[in-house]
Amino acid sequence: MRSYEILPGVKVTNDRCLILDDGPTAVVGDLHLGYESALEEEGMYIPRMNTGSIRDAMNNILSEYEPRRVVLLGDIKHDFKRSKREAKEEVKTIIGLLTEASDVVVVKGNHDNFLQNILSEVGLTAFDYVDMGGFRMEHGHVDSKVRPVIIGHEHPSVRIPGAMSGGMKMHCFVHQKEDGVIVLPPFSPFSAGNDLSLDGKCIMAPALGGSVYSEADIYGVSEVGIIRLGKLKDITDITV
């Protein structure tokens, strides 16, 4: 299945976005635009694929779900520093694509230093958080303690044990229903993912770390659809 309803009016999708019926609203996190440019400054050169992949994926979301609003949940930029012209244009290209089809709400992430300089050129403002559809939406590097909350930042992934090549790694949505925490997977195709385990040292987002995350429901993102993997504590019992 392409999507799965985790709460009334709230769906997780294999398009790496969360859809709220209110609007409808599409929520995505961690685009990390300008990734290749930042690596080049460090002397590393890779094909420029991030922005093109994100553009195509955003077009799919706009076509499939026809959202009235799109919430960008932080880390729109990759580089912490003031963006150079090329990286700046990447941000403006994606923002421009979205604003042609929907209202765009931007939440600031920990990578988004100087983001407002870029947004001012297109008439937008970056917020520390927004309250929408009954949820606090924030990037996740700081915990407002408001619940229920939707965050990014964690770049969650899980490893499913298997006999071949050490198993399978999969980006995922995380939903701790009792504690009111939903974590989105990264939208950037370059994200390696942060493998979740029951060792609290691996958790980056305070809201997730402060929850009983062993009881969180995990929804894997795959090309064939959303895969319900069960509770985090039980994933080690799964084989592929």
C-alpha atoms as a PDB file:
ATOM      1  CA  MET A   1       0.000   0.000   0.000  1.00  0.00           C
ATOM      2  CA  ARG A   2       1.204   3.522  -0.789  1.00  0.00           C
ATOM      3  CA  SER A   3      -0.154   4.991   2.445  1.00  0.00           C
ATOM      4  CA  TYR A   4      -1.359   3.882   5.845  1.00  0.00           C
ATOM      5  CA  GLU A   5      -3.627   5.748   8.270  1.00  0.00           C
ATOM      6  CA  ILE A   6      -1.897   5.821  11.660  1.00  0.00           C
ATOM      7  CA  LEU A   7      -4.495   8.120  13.257  1.00  0.00           C
ATOM      8  CA  PRO A   8      -7.862   9.399  12.019  1.00  0.00           C
ATOM      9  CA  GLY A   9      -7.059  11.802   9.186  1.00  0.00           C
ATOM     10  CA  VAL A  10      -3.294  11.179   9.398  1.00  0.00           C
ATOM     11  CA  LYS A  11      -1.506   9.024   6.813  1.00  0.00           C
ATOM     12  CA  VAL A  12       2.128   8.040   6.335  1.00  0.00           C
ATOM     13  CA  THR A  13       3.163   7.408   2.741  1.00  0.00           C
ATOM     14  CA  ASN A  14       5.949   5.800   0.767  1.00  0.00           C
ATOM     15  CA  ASP A  15       6.429   9.243  -0.820  1.00  0.00           C
ATOM     16  CA  ARG A  16       8.214  10.132   2.452  1.00  0.00           C
ATOM     17  CA  CYS A  17       5.542  12.626   3.368  1.00  0.00           C
ATOM     18  CA  LEU A  18       2.849  12.662   6.008  1.00  0.00           C
ATOM     19  CA  ILE A  19      -0.626  13.667   4.807  1.00  0.00           C
ATOM     20  CA  LEU A  20      -3.208  15.343   7.046  1.00  0.00           C
ATOM     21  CA  ASP A  21      -6.785  15.373   5.791  1.00  0.00           C
ATOM     22  CA  ASP A  22      -6.987  18.925   7.191  1.00  0.00           C
ATOM     23  CA  GLY A  23      -6.240  20.960   4.065  1.00  0.00           C
ATOM     24  CA  PRO A  24      -5.158  18.469   2.883  1.00  0.00           C
ATOM     25  CA  THR A  25      -1.664  19.172   4.184  1.00  0.00           C
ATOM     26  CA  ALA A  26       1.566  17.459   3.146  1.00  0.00           C
ATOM     27  CA  VAL A  27       4.418  17.488   5.670  1.00  0.00           C
ATOM     28  CA  VAL A  28       8.001  16.683   4.661  1.00  0.00           C
ATOM     29  CA  GLY A  29      11.286  17.044   6.491  1.00  0.00           C
ATOM     30  CA  ASP A  30      15.027  17.251   5.952  1.00  0.00           C
ATOM     31  CA  LEU A  31      15.512  18.207   2.305  1.00  0.00           C
ATOM     32  CA  HIS A  32      19.189  19.190   2.786  1.00  0.00           C
ATOM     33  CA  LEU A  33      19.342  21.209  -0.426  1.00  0.00           C
ATOM     34  CA  GLY A  34      22.828  22.239  -1.471  1.00  0.00           C
ATOM     35  CA  TYR A  35      24.278  18.935  -0.250  1.00  0.00           C
ATOM     36  CA  GLU A  36      26.593  18.472  -3.235  1.00  0.00           C
ATOM     37  CA  SER A  37      27.838  22.073  -3.094  1.00  0.00           C
ATOM     38  CA  ALA A  38      28.732  21.682   0.571  1.00  0.00           C
ATOM     39  CA  LEU A  39      30.707  18.507  -0.175  1.00  0.00           C
ATOM     40  CA  GLU A  40      32.549  20.201  -3.035  1.00  0.00           C
ATOM     41  CA  GLU A  41      33.794  22.872  -0.645  1.00  0.00           C
ATOM     42  CA  GLU A  42      35.381  20.007   1.299  1.00  0.00           C
ATOM     43  CA  GLY A  43      36.982  18.571  -1.861  1.00  0.00           C
ATOM     44  CA  MET A  44      34.439  15.785  -2.428  1.00  0.00           C
ATOM     45  CA  TYR A  45      32.651  15.581  -5.777  1.00  0.00           C
ATOM     46  CA  ILE A  46      29.517  13.535  -6.407  1.00  0.00           C
ATOM     47  CA  PRO A  47      26.873  13.704  -9.165  1.00  0.00           C
ATOM     48  CA  ARG A  48      24.364  16.522  -8.657  1.00  0.00           C
ATOM     49  CA  MET A  49      21.228  14.492  -8.064  1.00  0.00           C
ATOM     50  CA  ASN A  50      19.718  15.716  -4.786  1.00  0.00           C
ATOM     51  CA  THR A  51      17.723  18.704  -6.038  1.00  0.00           C
ATOM     52  CA  GLY A  52      16.514  16.922  -9.181  1.00  0.00           C
ATOM     53  CA  SER A  53      15.350  13.923  -7.149  1.00  0.00           C
ATOM     54  CA  ILE A  54      13.587  16.185  -4.650  1.00  0.00           C
ATOM     55  CA  ARG A  55      11.939  18.174  -7.460  1.00  0.00           C
ATOM     56  CA  ASP A  56      10.575  14.987  -9.045  1.00  0.00           C
ATOM     57  CA  ALA A  57       9.397  13.641  -5.679  1.00  0.00           C
ATOM     58  CA  MET A  58       7.669  16.932  -4.837  1.00  0.00           C
ATOM     59  CA  ASN A  59       5.905  16.897  -8.194  1.00  0.00           C
ATOM     60  CA  ASN A  60       4.650  13.393  -7.406  1.00  0.00           C
ATOM     61  CA  ILE A  61       3.277  14.583  -4.056  1.00  0.00           C
ATOM     62  CA  LEU A  62       1.546  17.598  -5.596  1.00  0.00           C
ATOM     63  CA  SER A  63      -0.006  15.388  -8.261  1.00  0.00           C
ATOM     64  CA  GLU A  64      -0.983  12.459  -6.054  1.00  0.00           C
ATOM     65  CA  TYR A  65      -2.334  14.228  -2.958  1.00  0.00           C
ATOM     66  CA  GLU A  66      -3.179  17.732  -4.281  1.00  0.00           C
ATOM     67  CA  PRO A  67      -2.299  19.399  -0.949  1.00  0.00           C
ATOM     68  CA  ARG A  68      -3.581  22.882  -0.218  1.00  0.00           C
ATOM     69  CA  ARG A  69      -0.619  23.326   2.155  1.00  0.00           C
ATOM     70  CA  VAL A  70       2.906  21.968   2.246  1.00  0.00           C
ATOM     71  CA  VAL A  71       4.874  22.147   5.497  1.00  0.00           C
ATOM     72  CA  LEU A  72       8.663  21.937   5.192  1.00  0.00           C
ATOM     73  CA  LEU A  73       9.760  20.638   8.578  1.00  0.00           C
ATOM     74  CA  GLY A  74      13.279  22.021   8.765  1.00  0.00           C
ATOM     75  CA  ASP A  75      16.775  21.432   7.425  1.00  0.00           C
ATOM     76  CA  ILE A  76      15.758  22.783   4.051  1.00  0.00           C
ATOM     77  CA  LYS A  77      19.444  23.710   3.603  1.00  0.00           C
ATOM     78  CA  HIS A  78      22.329  21.335   4.171  1.00  0.00           C
ATOM     79  CA  ASP A  79      25.111  23.837   4.777  1.00  0.00           C
ATOM     80  CA  PHE A  80      25.145  25.585   8.162  1.00  0.00           C
ATOM     81  CA  LYS A  81      26.872  28.573   6.566  1.00  0.00           C
ATOM     82  CA  ARG A  82      25.582  31.347   4.355  1.00  0.00           C
ATOM     83  CA  SER A  83      24.640  29.681   1.070  1.00  0.00           C
ATOM     84  CA  LYS A  84      26.523  30.434  -2.120  1.00  0.00           C
ATOM     85  CA  ARG A  85      24.604  31.365  -5.261  1.00  0.00           C
ATOM     86  CA  GLU A  86      24.171  27.819  -6.563  1.00  0.00           C
ATOM     87  CA  ALA A  87      22.826  26.370  -3.317  1.00  0.00           C
ATOM     88  CA  LYS A  88      20.644  29.433  -2.882  1.00  0.00           C
ATOM     89  CA  GLU A  89      19.090  28.844  -6.295  1.00  0.00           C
ATOM     90  CA  GLU A  90      18.365  25.212  -5.388  1.00  0.00           C
ATOM     91  CA  VAL A  91      16.289  26.354  -2.406  1.00  0.00           C
ATOM     92  CA  LYS A  92      14.455  28.947  -4.500  1.00  0.00           C
ATOM     93  CA  THR A  93      13.753  26.381  -7.228  1.00  0.00           C
ATOM     94  CA  ILE A  94      12.038  23.957  -4.846  1.00  0.00           C
ATOM     95  CA  ILE A  95      10.185  26.693  -2.976  1.00  0.00           C
ATOM     96  CA  GLY A  96       9.034  28.143  -6.294  1.00  0.00           C
ATOM     97  CA  LEU A  97       7.738  24.769  -7.469  1.00  0.00           C
ATOM     98  CA  LEU A  98       5.689  24.371  -4.288  1.00  0.00           C
ATOM     99  CA  THR A  99       4.301  27.912  -4.099  1.00  0.00           C
ATOM    100  CA  GLU A 100       2.903  27.585  -7.620  1.00  0.00           C
ATOM    101  CA  ALA A 101       0.615  24.791  -6.431  1.00  0.00           C
ATOM    102  CA  SER A 102       0.019  25.307  -2.684  1.00  0.00           C
ATOM    103  CA  ASP A 103       0.542  27.442   0.391  1.00  0.00           C
ATOM    104  CA  VAL A 104       4.008  26.800   1.802  1.00  0.00           C
ATOM    105  CA  VAL A 105       4.844  26.872   5.519  1.00  0.00           C
ATOM    106  CA  VAL A 106       8.525  26.736   6.450  1.00  0.00           C
ATOM    107  CA  VAL A 107       9.788  25.536   9.834  1.00  0.00           C
ATOM    108  CA  LYS A 108      13.422  26.271  10.616  1.00  0.00           C
ATOM    109  CA  GLY A 109      15.832  23.421  11.368  1.00  0.00           C
ATOM    110  CA  ASN A 110      19.262  23.397  12.971  1.00  0.00           C
ATOM    111  CA  HIS A 111      20.927  23.508   9.518  1.00  0.00           C
ATOM    112  CA  ASP A 112      18.892  26.526   8.437  1.00  0.00           C
ATOM    113  CA  ASN A 113      21.190  29.366   9.441  1.00  0.00           C
ATOM    114  CA  PHE A 114      20.700  32.217   6.970  1.00  0.00           C
ATOM    115  CA  LEU A 115      17.642  30.502   5.455  1.00  0.00           C
ATOM    116  CA  GLN A 116      15.542  33.602   6.076  1.00  0.00           C
ATOM    117  CA  ASN A 117      17.857  35.580   3.779  1.00  0.00           C
ATOM    118  CA  ILE A 118      16.732  33.292   0.933  1.00  0.00           C
ATOM    119  CA  LEU A 119      13.072  33.126   1.927  1.00  0.00           C
ATOM    120  CA  SER A 120      12.802  36.910   2.092  1.00  0.00           C
ATOM    121  CA  GLU A 121      13.421  36.988  -1.656  1.00  0.00           C
ATOM    122  CA  VAL A 122      10.303  34.880  -2.242  1.00  0.00           C
ATOM    123  CA  GLY A 123       8.114  36.478   0.420  1.00  0.00           C
ATOM    124  CA  LEU A 124       8.167  33.693   3.015  1.00  0.00           C
ATOM    125  CA  THR A 125       9.113  33.515   6.701  1.00  0.00           C
ATOM    126  CA  ALA A 126      10.697  30.618   8.587  1.00  0.00           C
ATOM    127  CA  PHE A 127       9.068  29.751  11.915  1.00  0.00           C
ATOM    128  CA  ASP A 128      10.469  27.869  14.899  1.00  0.00           C
ATOM    129  CA  TYR A 129       7.255  25.818  14.948  1.00  0.00           C
ATOM    130  CA  VAL A 130       3.661  25.864  13.731  1.00  0.00           C
ATOM    131  CA  ASP A 131       0.456  24.515  15.270  1.00  0.00           C
ATOM    132  CA  MET A 132      -1.744  22.950  12.642  1.00  0.00           C
ATOM    133  CA  GLY A 133      -4.375  20.219  12.412  1.00  0.00           C
ATOM    134  CA  GLY A 134      -4.169  19.577  16.147  1.00  0.00           C
ATOM    135  CA  PHE A 135      -0.377  19.034  16.085  1.00  0.00           C
ATOM    136  CA  ARG A 136       2.702  20.999  17.063  1.00  0.00           C
ATOM    137  CA  MET A 137       5.076  20.790  14.101  1.00  0.00           C
ATOM    138  CA  GLU A 138       8.749  21.516  14.749  1.00  0.00           C
ATOM    139  CA  HIS A 139      12.039  20.341  13.348  1.00  0.00           C
ATOM    140  CA  GLY A 140      12.953  18.251  16.368  1.00  0.00           C
ATOM    141  CA  HIS A 141      16.440  19.388  17.430  1.00  0.00           C
ATOM    142  CA  VAL A 142      14.732  21.254  20.294  1.00  0.00           C
ATOM    143  CA  ASP A 143      11.699  19.884  22.135  1.00  0.00           C
ATOM    144  CA  SER A 144       8.931  22.360  22.929  1.00  0.00           C
ATOM    145  CA  LYS A 145       7.320  19.655  25.128  1.00  0.00           C
ATOM    146  CA  VAL A 146       3.985  20.270  23.360  1.00  0.00           C
ATOM    147  CA  ARG A 147       2.142  17.099  22.372  1.00  0.00           C
ATOM    148  CA  PRO A 148       1.098  15.673  20.022  1.00  0.00           C
ATOM    149  CA  VAL A 149       4.105  16.672  17.940  1.00  0.00           C
ATOM    150  CA  ILE A 150       5.362  15.929  14.423  1.00  0.00           C
ATOM    151  CA  ILE A 151       9.128  16.225  13.931  1.00  0.00           C
ATOM    152  CA  GLY A 152      11.981  15.453  11.560  1.00  0.00           C
ATOM    153  CA  HIS A 153      15.683  15.744  12.489  1.00  0.00           C
ATOM    154  CA  GLU A 154      16.099  12.096  13.511  1.00  0.00           C
ATOM    155  CA  HIS A 155      16.501  10.663   9.960  1.00  0.00           C
ATOM    156  CA  PRO A 156      15.108   7.381  11.352  1.00  0.00           C
ATOM    157  CA  SER A 157      15.967   4.040   9.808  1.00  0.00           C
ATOM    158  CA  VAL A 158      15.934   0.446  10.974  1.00  0.00           C
ATOM    159  CA  ARG A 159      17.949  -2.627  10.133  1.00  0.00           C
ATOM    160  CA  ILE A 160      15.951  -5.795   9.628  1.00  0.00           C
ATOM    161  CA  PRO A 161      18.130  -8.845  10.306  1.00  0.00           C
ATOM    162  CA  GLY A 162      18.632 -11.332   7.523  1.00  0.00           C
ATOM    163  CA  ALA A 163      20.939 -14.088   6.420  1.00  0.00           C
ATOM    164  CA  MET A 164      22.271 -12.184   3.402  1.00  0.00           C
ATOM    165  CA  SER A 165      24.626  -9.184   3.629  1.00  0.00           C
ATOM    166  CA  GLY A 166      23.702  -8.318   7.196  1.00  0.00           C
ATOM    167  CA  GLY A 167      20.002  -7.719   6.483  1.00  0.00           C
ATOM    168  CA  MET A 168      18.135  -4.760   5.049  1.00  0.00           C
ATOM    169  CA  LYS A 169      18.259  -1.083   6.010  1.00  0.00           C
ATOM    170  CA  MET A 170      15.092   0.959   5.601  1.00  0.00           C
ATOM    171  CA  HIS A 171      14.080   4.560   6.266  1.00  0.00           C
ATOM    172  CA  CYS A 172      10.947   4.719   8.361  1.00  0.00           C
ATOM    173  CA  PHE A 173       8.233   6.706  10.063  1.00  0.00           C
ATOM    174  CA  VAL A 174       8.130   6.388  13.850  1.00  0.00           C
ATOM    175  CA  HIS A 175       4.877   6.745  15.814  1.00  0.00           C
ATOM    176  CA  GLN A 176       4.826   6.645  19.600  1.00  0.00           C
ATOM    177  CA  LYS A 177       1.071   6.926  19.951  1.00  0.00           C
ATOM    178  CA  GLU A 178       0.843   6.975  23.749  1.00  0.00           C
ATOM    179  CA  ASP A 179       3.405   9.773  24.060  1.00  0.00           C
ATOM    180  CA  GLY A 180       2.115  11.694  21.041  1.00  0.00           C
ATOM    181  CA  VAL A 181       5.308  11.712  18.936  1.00  0.00           C
ATOM    182  CA  ILE A 182       5.503  11.202  15.164  1.00  0.00           C
ATOM    183  CA  VAL A 183       8.894  11.254  13.428  1.00  0.00           C
ATOM    184  CA  LEU A 184       9.267  11.645   9.658  1.00  0.00           C
ATOM    185  CA  PRO A 185      11.958  10.014   7.526  1.00  0.00           C
ATOM    186  CA  PRO A 186      14.372  12.326   5.667  1.00  0.00           C
ATOM    187  CA  PHE A 187      13.174  13.534   2.277  1.00  0.00           C
ATOM    188  CA  SER A 188      16.702  13.800   0.883  1.00  0.00           C
ATOM    189  CA  PRO A 189      17.697  10.667  -1.057  1.00  0.00           C
ATOM    190  CA  PHE A 190      21.268  11.118   0.171  1.00  0.00           C
ATOM    191  CA  SER A 191      20.474  10.603   3.842  1.00  0.00           C
ATOM    192  CA  ALA A 192      22.143   7.469   5.162  1.00  0.00           C
ATOM    193  CA  GLY A 193      19.610   7.245   7.995  1.00  0.00           C
ATOM    194  CA  ASN A 194      20.137   6.936  11.732  1.00  0.00           C
ATOM    195  CA  ASP A 195      19.595   3.294  12.712  1.00  0.00           C
ATOM    196  CA  LEU A 196      17.281   3.120  15.700  1.00  0.00           C
ATOM    197  CA  SER A 197      17.900   0.663  18.489  1.00  0.00           C
ATOM    198  CA  LEU A 198      16.899   0.236  22.109  1.00  0.00           C
ATOM    199  CA  ASP A 199      20.176   1.888  23.121  1.00  0.00           C
ATOM    200  CA  GLY A 200      19.103   5.449  23.924  1.00  0.00           C
ATOM    201  CA  LYS A 201      22.482   6.793  22.815  1.00  0.00           C
ATOM    202  CA  CYS A 202      21.411   6.448  19.177  1.00  0.00           C
ATOM    203  CA  ILE A 203      18.411   8.787  19.505  1.00  0.00           C
ATOM    204  CA  MET A 204      19.044  12.360  18.335  1.00  0.00           C
ATOM    205  CA  ALA A 205      15.630  14.039  18.716  1.00  0.00           C
ATOM    206  CA  PRO A 206      14.793  14.919  22.351  1.00  0.00           C
ATOM    207  CA  ALA A 207      11.055  14.343  21.870  1.00  0.00           C
ATOM    208  CA  LEU A 208      11.652  10.780  20.687  1.00  0.00           C
ATOM    209  CA  GLY A 209      14.347  10.152  23.291  1.00  0.00           C
ATOM    210  CA  GLY A 210      11.978  11.296  26.050  1.00  0.00           C
ATOM    211  CA  SER A 211       9.280   8.848  24.946  1.00  0.00           C
ATOM    212  CA  VAL A 212       8.971   5.118  25.500  1.00  0.00           C
ATOM    213  CA  TYR A 213      10.386   4.647  22.008  1.00  0.00           C
ATOM    214  CA  SER A 214      10.740   0.877  22.374  1.00  0.00           C
ATOM    215  CA  GLU A 215       6.919   0.815  22.073  1.00  0.00           C
ATOM    216  CA  ALA A 216       6.886   3.022  18.972  1.00  0.00           C
ATOM    217  CA  ASP A 217       5.257   1.671  15.829  1.00  0.00           C
ATOM    218  CA  ILE A 218       7.620   1.559  12.846  1.00  0.00           C
ATOM    219  CA  TYR A 219       6.470   2.025   9.248  1.00  0.00           C
ATOM    220  CA  GLY A 220       9.136   1.238   6.667  1.00  0.00           C
ATOM    221  CA  VAL A 221       9.367   3.232   3.434  1.00  0.00           C
ATOM    222  CA  SER A 222       9.953   1.092   0.358  1.00  0.00           C
ATOM    223  CA  GLU A 223       9.438   1.264  -3.389  1.00  0.00           C
ATOM    224  CA  VAL A 224       6.570  -1.176  -3.103  1.00  0.00           C
ATOM    225  CA  GLY A 225       4.784   0.808  -0.414  1.00  0.00           C
ATOM    226  CA  ILE A 226       4.563   1.399   3.325  1.00  0.00           C
ATOM    227  CA  ILE A 227       5.480  -1.668   5.361  1.00  0.00           C
ATOM    228  CA  ARG A 228       4.149  -2.057   8.903  1.00  0.00           C
ATOM    229  CA  LEU A 229       7.092  -3.458  10.832  1.00  0.00           C
ATOM    230  CA  GLY A 230       5.552  -3.519  14.304  1.00  0.00           C
ATOM    231  CA  LYS A 231       7.076  -2.170  17.509  1.00  0.00           C
ATOM    232  CA  LEU A 232      10.706  -1.087  17.574  1.00  0.00           C
ATOM    233  CA  LYS A 233      11.400  -3.537  20.404  1.00  0.00           C
ATOM    234  CA  ASP A 234      10.184  -6.436  18.222  1.00  0.00           C
ATOM    235  CA  ILE A 235      12.049  -5.689  15.004  1.00  0.00           C
ATOM    236  CA  THR A 236      15.018  -7.805  16.003  1.00  0.00           C
ATOM    237  CA  ASP A 237      12.690 -10.797  15.778  1.00  0.00           C
ATOM    238  CA  ILE A 238      11.949 -10.133  12.084  1.00  0.00           C
ATOM    239  CA  THR A 239      13.880 -11.952   9.386  1.00  0.00           C
ATOM    240  CA  VAL A 240      13.920 -11.376   5.623  1.00  0.00           C
END
